[in-house]
Amino acid sequence: AYVFFSSPVSKDFVSNIKNDTSVLPRIGALRE
């Protein structure tokens, strides 16, 4: 999961999170 946050696509990934708050719980689970 950390690979996504350290990769260049993370910026686009964050944009998707901001547009879809329903994915936030999913991200929290991955970061745990």
N, C-alpha and C. Protein backbone atom coordinates (compact mmCIF):
# COMPACT_ATOMS: atom_id res chain seq x y z
N ALA A 1 0.84 -1.21 0.00
CA ALA A 1 0.00 0.00 0.00
C ALA A 1 0.87 1.26 0.00
N TYR A 2 2.00 1.20 0.70
CA TYR A 2 2.88 2.37 0.79
C TYR A 2 3.47 2.74 -0.56
N VAL A 3 3.58 1.76 -1.45
CA VAL A 3 4.13 2.02 -2.79
C VAL A 3 3.30 3.07 -3.51
N PHE A 4 1.96 2.98 -3.36
CA PHE A 4 1.08 3.93 -4.03
C PHE A 4 1.33 5.35 -3.53
N PHE A 5 1.57 5.50 -2.25
CA PHE A 5 1.77 6.82 -1.67
C PHE A 5 3.12 7.41 -2.05
N SER A 6 4.08 6.55 -2.35
CA SER A 6 5.42 7.04 -2.69
C SER A 6 5.61 7.17 -4.20
N SER A 7 4.60 6.75 -4.96
CA SER A 7 4.71 6.81 -6.42
C SER A 7 4.12 8.11 -6.95
N PRO A 8 4.52 8.54 -8.14
CA PRO A 8 4.03 9.79 -8.75
C PRO A 8 2.51 9.81 -8.90
N VAL A 9 1.89 8.65 -9.03
CA VAL A 9 0.44 8.57 -9.23
C VAL A 9 -0.31 8.99 -7.97
N SER A 10 0.41 9.12 -6.86
CA SER A 10 -0.22 9.46 -5.59
C SER A 10 -1.02 10.76 -5.68
N LYS A 11 -0.53 11.72 -6.45
CA LYS A 11 -1.24 13.00 -6.59
C LYS A 11 -2.62 12.78 -7.21
N ASP A 12 -2.68 11.97 -8.27
CA ASP A 12 -3.95 11.68 -8.90
C ASP A 12 -4.81 10.83 -7.97
N PHE A 13 -4.13 9.96 -7.21
CA PHE A 13 -4.81 9.10 -6.26
C PHE A 13 -5.51 9.93 -5.19
N VAL A 14 -4.79 10.95 -4.70
CA VAL A 14 -5.35 11.84 -3.68
C VAL A 14 -6.55 12.60 -4.23
N SER A 15 -6.47 13.00 -5.49
CA SER A 15 -7.57 13.72 -6.13
C SER A 15 -8.82 12.85 -6.15
N ASN A 16 -8.63 11.56 -6.42
CA ASN A 16 -9.76 10.64 -6.45
C ASN A 16 -10.36 10.50 -5.05
N ILE A 17 -9.51 10.51 -4.04
CA ILE A 17 -9.99 10.40 -2.66
C ILE A 17 -10.84 11.61 -2.31
N LYS A 18 -10.38 12.78 -2.69
CA LYS A 18 -11.12 14.01 -2.38
C LYS A 18 -12.47 14.03 -3.10
N ASN A 19 -12.52 13.41 -4.29
CA ASN A 19 -13.76 13.37 -5.05
C ASN A 19 -14.67 12.25 -4.58
N ASP A 20 -14.11 11.27 -3.86
CA ASP A 20 -14.90 10.13 -3.40
C ASP A 20 -14.56 9.84 -1.94
N THR A 21 -15.29 10.49 -1.03
CA THR A 21 -15.00 10.34 0.40
C THR A 21 -15.27 8.93 0.88
N SER A 22 -16.02 8.14 0.11
CA SER A 22 -16.34 6.78 0.52
C SER A 22 -15.10 5.89 0.50
N VAL A 23 -14.04 6.34 -0.18
CA VAL A 23 -12.81 5.55 -0.27
C VAL A 23 -11.89 5.81 0.93
N LEU A 24 -12.17 6.85 1.70
CA LEU A 24 -11.33 7.19 2.84
C LEU A 24 -11.18 6.04 3.84
N PRO A 25 -12.26 5.39 4.25
CA PRO A 25 -12.14 4.26 5.20
C PRO A 25 -11.26 3.17 4.62
N ARG A 26 -11.33 2.99 3.31
CA ARG A 26 -10.54 1.96 2.64
C ARG A 26 -9.05 2.30 2.74
N ILE A 27 -8.72 3.58 2.55
CA ILE A 27 -7.33 4.04 2.63
C ILE A 27 -6.81 3.88 4.05
N GLY A 28 -7.64 4.23 5.01
CA GLY A 28 -7.24 4.11 6.41
C GLY A 28 -6.89 2.67 6.76
N ALA A 29 -7.66 1.74 6.21
CA ALA A 29 -7.41 0.32 6.48
C ALA A 29 -6.08 -0.11 5.87
N LEU A 30 -5.76 0.44 4.69
CA LEU A 30 -4.51 0.07 4.01
C LEU A 30 -3.30 0.63 4.76
N ARG A 31 -3.46 1.82 5.32
CA ARG A 31 -2.33 2.47 5.99
C ARG A 31 -2.06 1.86 7.36
N GLU A 32 -3.05 1.20 7.93
CA GLU A 32 -2.88 0.59 9.27
C GLU A 32 -1.91 -0.56 9.22
